[in-house]
N, C-alpha and C. Protein backbone atom coordinates (compact mmCIF):
# COMPACT_ATOMS: atom_id res chain seq x y z
N MET A 1 5.52 -12.63 11.24
CA MET A 1 6.04 -11.45 11.08
C MET A 1 5.81 -10.51 10.14
N THR A 2 6.23 -9.25 10.50
CA THR A 2 5.56 -8.03 9.73
C THR A 2 7.08 -7.49 8.67
N THR A 3 6.75 -7.13 7.69
CA THR A 3 7.94 -6.67 6.75
C THR A 3 7.79 -5.09 6.91
N ALA A 4 8.52 -4.39 7.59
CA ALA A 4 8.89 -2.76 6.89
C ALA A 4 8.96 -2.72 5.70
N LEU A 5 8.97 -1.40 5.34
CA LEU A 5 9.42 -0.67 4.52
C LEU A 5 10.74 -0.10 4.79
N ARG A 6 11.35 -0.19 3.72
CA ARG A 6 12.96 0.00 4.25
C ARG A 6 13.39 1.25 2.64
N CYS A 7 14.41 2.19 2.95
CA CYS A 7 15.03 2.92 2.06
C CYS A 7 16.07 1.96 0.98
N GLY A 8 15.45 1.85 -0.44
CA GLY A 8 16.59 1.34 -1.29
C GLY A 8 17.91 1.72 -0.99
N LYS A 9 18.50 3.09 -0.52
CA LYS A 9 19.51 3.04 -0.35
C LYS A 9 20.39 2.48 0.71
N CYS A 10 20.02 3.49 2.29
CA CYS A 10 20.50 2.78 3.12
C CYS A 10 19.53 1.56 3.78
N GLY A 11 18.57 1.53 3.67
CA GLY A 11 17.62 0.21 4.42
C GLY A 11 16.99 0.65 5.47
N SER A 12 16.77 2.27 5.43
CA SER A 12 16.41 2.84 6.85
C SER A 12 14.77 3.08 6.41
N PRO A 13 14.05 2.33 7.77
CA PRO A 13 12.49 2.70 7.34
C PRO A 13 12.12 4.68 7.50
N VAL A 14 13.37 5.25 7.87
CA VAL A 14 12.92 6.97 8.15
C VAL A 14 13.03 7.48 6.74
N HIS A 15 13.78 7.01 5.82
CA HIS A 15 14.06 7.65 4.65
C HIS A 15 13.26 7.03 2.98
N ILE A 16 12.35 6.80 3.99
CA ILE A 16 11.01 6.22 2.63
C ILE A 16 10.64 7.27 1.78
N ARG A 17 10.83 7.43 0.66
CA ARG A 17 9.97 8.13 -0.49
C ARG A 17 8.83 7.78 -0.87
N LYS A 18 7.78 8.63 -0.26
CA LYS A 18 6.60 7.67 -1.20
C LYS A 18 6.08 8.60 -2.90
N ARG A 19 5.82 7.42 -3.33
CA ARG A 19 5.60 7.24 -4.92
C ARG A 19 4.74 7.66 -5.30
N PRO A 20 4.22 8.51 -6.02
CA PRO A 20 2.76 9.19 -7.00
C PRO A 20 1.93 7.94 -7.17
N LEU A 21 1.19 8.28 -7.17
CA LEU A 21 -0.29 7.35 -7.19
C LEU A 21 -0.50 7.57 -8.29
N THR A 22 -1.45 6.66 -9.24
CA THR A 22 -2.83 7.17 -10.37
C THR A 22 -3.78 7.35 -9.30
N SER A 23 -4.38 7.66 -10.31
CA SER A 23 -5.73 8.40 -10.08
C SER A 23 -7.03 7.29 -9.01
N LYS A 24 -6.75 5.84 -9.69
CA LYS A 24 -7.60 4.66 -8.74
C LYS A 24 -6.94 4.67 -7.57
N GLN A 25 -6.15 4.64 -7.37
CA GLN A 25 -5.03 4.34 -6.09
C GLN A 25 -5.42 5.55 -4.98
N ALA A 26 -5.31 6.88 -6.03
CA ALA A 26 -5.60 8.21 -4.99
C ALA A 26 -7.07 7.80 -4.51
N PHE A 27 -7.59 7.43 -5.48
CA PHE A 27 -9.44 7.40 -4.59
C PHE A 27 -9.32 6.37 -3.78
N VAL A 28 -8.87 5.09 -3.72
CA VAL A 28 -8.94 4.26 -3.09
C VAL A 28 -8.25 4.39 -1.64
N LEU A 29 -7.34 5.78 -1.11
CA LEU A 29 -6.38 5.80 -0.22
C LEU A 29 -7.49 6.45 0.27
N GLU A 30 -8.40 7.79 -0.66
CA GLU A 30 -8.68 8.78 0.21
C GLU A 30 -10.07 7.97 0.91
N ARG A 31 -10.73 6.76 0.18
CA ARG A 31 -11.73 5.74 1.00
C ARG A 31 -11.49 5.29 1.99
N ILE A 32 -9.68 4.87 2.19
CA ILE A 32 -9.28 4.37 3.57
C ILE A 32 -9.14 5.68 4.84
N LYS A 33 -8.73 6.73 4.25
CA LYS A 33 -8.61 7.51 5.34
C LYS A 33 -10.20 8.00 5.58
N ASP A 34 -10.87 8.22 4.82
CA ASP A 34 -12.33 8.34 5.35
C ASP A 34 -12.88 7.62 6.38
N HIS A 35 -13.03 6.00 6.26
CA HIS A 35 -13.32 5.18 6.89
C HIS A 35 -12.30 5.04 8.16
N ILE A 36 -11.16 5.41 7.79
CA ILE A 36 -10.64 5.30 9.47
C ILE A 36 -11.19 6.33 10.37
N ASP A 37 -11.19 7.62 9.47
CA ASP A 37 -11.60 8.73 10.23
C ASP A 37 -12.71 8.92 11.50
N PHE A 38 -13.90 8.05 9.92
CA PHE A 38 -14.90 7.69 10.63
C PHE A 38 -15.09 6.61 11.81
N TYR A 39 -14.87 5.26 11.35
CA TYR A 39 -15.02 4.50 12.41
C TYR A 39 -14.06 4.39 13.31
N GLY A 40 -12.59 4.97 13.07
CA GLY A 40 -11.61 4.48 13.95
C GLY A 40 -10.88 3.26 13.65
N TYR A 41 -11.17 2.73 12.86
CA TYR A 41 -10.34 0.93 12.12
C TYR A 41 -10.74 1.38 10.45
N ALA A 42 -9.71 0.01 9.63
CA ALA A 42 -9.70 0.37 8.36
C ALA A 42 -10.71 -0.33 8.08
N PRO A 43 -10.93 -0.31 6.85
CA PRO A 43 -11.93 -1.17 5.94
C PRO A 43 -11.59 -2.43 5.55
N THR A 44 -11.95 -3.15 5.45
CA THR A 44 -11.81 -4.43 5.16
C THR A 44 -11.76 -4.63 3.37
N LEU A 45 -11.27 -5.63 3.18
CA LEU A 45 -10.82 -5.47 1.44
C LEU A 45 -12.50 -5.34 0.87
N GLN A 46 -13.77 -6.24 1.54
CA GLN A 46 -14.69 -6.33 0.78
C GLN A 46 -15.57 -4.83 0.86
N GLU A 47 -15.02 -3.97 1.96
CA GLU A 47 -15.57 -3.12 2.01
C GLU A 47 -15.28 -2.11 1.72
N LEU A 48 -13.83 -1.97 1.06
CA LEU A 48 -13.32 -0.62 0.18
C LEU A 48 -13.79 -1.28 -1.26
N ALA A 49 -13.97 -2.30 -1.63
CA ALA A 49 -14.48 -3.25 -2.81
C ALA A 49 -16.05 -2.74 -3.23
N ASP A 50 -16.45 -2.33 -2.19
CA ASP A 50 -18.38 -2.43 -2.33
C ASP A 50 -18.55 -0.68 -2.72
N ARG A 51 -17.43 -0.28 -1.61
CA ARG A 51 -17.56 1.64 -1.71
C ARG A 51 -16.55 2.01 -3.17
N CYS A 52 -15.85 1.05 -3.74
CA CYS A 52 -15.66 1.81 -4.47
C CYS A 52 -16.28 1.41 -6.30
N ASP A 53 -16.93 0.59 -5.82
CA ASP A 53 -17.49 0.04 -6.98
C ASP A 53 -16.18 -1.05 -7.89
N ASN A 54 -15.73 -1.73 -7.22
CA ASN A 54 -14.85 -2.61 -7.88
C ASN A 54 -14.51 -3.82 -7.09
N ALA A 55 -14.08 -4.65 -8.08
CA ALA A 55 -13.74 -6.32 -7.85
C ALA A 55 -13.24 -6.31 -6.35
N LEU A 56 -13.16 -7.36 -5.80
CA LEU A 56 -12.27 -7.79 -5.00
C LEU A 56 -10.53 -8.01 -5.12
N SER A 57 -11.47 -8.80 -6.12
CA SER A 57 -9.32 -8.86 -6.50
C SER A 57 -8.75 -7.86 -7.16
N SER A 58 -9.78 -6.51 -7.63
CA SER A 58 -8.94 -5.64 -7.89
C SER A 58 -8.59 -4.73 -6.86
N MET A 59 -9.00 -4.90 -5.63
CA MET A 59 -8.54 -4.27 -4.43
C MET A 59 -7.47 -4.71 -3.67
N TRP A 60 -7.25 -6.05 -4.30
CA TRP A 60 -5.96 -6.47 -3.72
C TRP A 60 -4.91 -5.78 -4.12
N ALA A 61 -4.78 -5.80 -5.62
CA ALA A 61 -3.80 -5.37 -6.60
C ALA A 61 -3.82 -3.79 -6.30
N VAL A 62 -4.62 -2.62 -5.79
CA VAL A 62 -4.53 -1.60 -5.40
C VAL A 62 -4.04 -1.21 -4.42
N VAL A 63 -4.52 -2.20 -2.98
CA VAL A 63 -3.76 -1.82 -1.85
C VAL A 63 -2.58 -2.75 -1.87
N ASP A 64 -2.35 -3.81 -2.88
CA ASP A 64 -0.57 -3.77 -2.52
C ASP A 64 0.38 -3.15 -3.32
N HIS A 65 -0.21 -2.37 -3.91
CA HIS A 65 0.11 -1.02 -4.87
C HIS A 65 0.47 -0.13 -3.80
N LEU A 66 -0.47 0.32 -3.14
CA LEU A 66 -0.55 1.31 -2.24
C LEU A 66 0.58 1.18 -1.07
N GLU A 67 0.85 -0.40 -0.81
CA GLU A 67 1.91 -0.46 0.30
C GLU A 67 3.16 -0.20 0.08
N LYS A 68 3.49 -0.82 -1.51
CA LYS A 68 5.11 -0.81 -2.13
C LYS A 68 5.08 0.36 -2.51
N LYS A 69 4.16 1.46 -2.84
CA LYS A 69 4.68 2.54 -2.96
C LYS A 69 4.60 3.62 -1.58
N GLY A 70 4.44 2.71 -0.35
CA GLY A 70 4.58 3.76 0.67
C GLY A 70 3.40 4.47 1.17
N HIS A 71 2.36 4.33 0.90
CA HIS A 71 1.31 5.11 1.59
C HIS A 71 0.34 4.61 2.70
N ILE A 72 0.41 3.57 2.75
CA ILE A 72 -0.18 2.68 3.73
C ILE A 72 1.06 1.14 3.75
N ARG A 73 0.37 0.92 5.33
CA ARG A 73 1.19 -0.05 6.06
C ARG A 73 0.26 -1.09 6.48
N LYS A 74 0.36 -2.51 5.76
CA LYS A 74 -0.23 -3.40 6.17
C LYS A 74 0.09 -4.38 7.07
N THR A 75 -0.79 -5.42 7.56
CA THR A 75 -0.59 -5.93 8.73
C THR A 75 -0.55 -7.43 8.27
N PRO A 76 0.13 -8.60 7.71
CA PRO A 76 0.05 -9.58 6.61
C PRO A 76 -1.31 -10.66 8.25
N ARG A 77 -2.30 -11.06 6.91
CA ARG A 77 -3.20 -11.78 7.85
C ARG A 77 -4.39 -11.02 8.24
N ASP A 78 -4.12 -9.92 8.42
CA ASP A 78 -5.44 -9.17 8.82
C ASP A 78 -5.25 -7.62 7.71
N TRP A 79 -6.23 -7.96 7.54
CA TRP A 79 -6.84 -6.64 6.32
C TRP A 79 -7.33 -5.27 7.14
N GLN A 80 -7.56 -5.31 8.31
CA GLN A 80 -8.14 -4.34 9.12
C GLN A 80 -7.04 -3.20 10.12
N ALA A 81 -6.06 -4.30 10.04
CA ALA A 81 -5.20 -3.61 10.68
C ALA A 81 -4.04 -2.35 9.63
N MET A 82 -4.89 -1.84 8.50
CA MET A 82 -3.76 -0.97 7.21
C MET A 82 -3.83 0.83 8.31
N GLU A 83 -2.70 1.03 7.76
CA GLU A 83 -2.33 2.24 8.35
C GLU A 83 -2.05 3.30 7.54
N VAL A 84 -2.62 4.03 7.66
CA VAL A 84 -1.88 5.33 6.25
C VAL A 84 -0.83 6.08 7.10
N ILE A 85 0.14 6.15 6.26
CA ILE A 85 1.45 6.51 6.53
C ILE A 85 1.81 7.72 5.93
């Protein structure tokens, strides 16, 4: 079961407004975009952690915030099913 991001006012997925990112979140988002452009699929969390010189647990938090802020969409239990919105 996937959960779609919805607008807080009307519940529609169409009116999602992306919230601003911290510098670390923006850096990680750019690494995700670069990986997708080069390989055609999203990186794993371990690949992101290695590329960004961060701990794996830190990547969990950053990716979770990116999804909550409306910048990526991920499929539960499949970290390579990330998509940049």
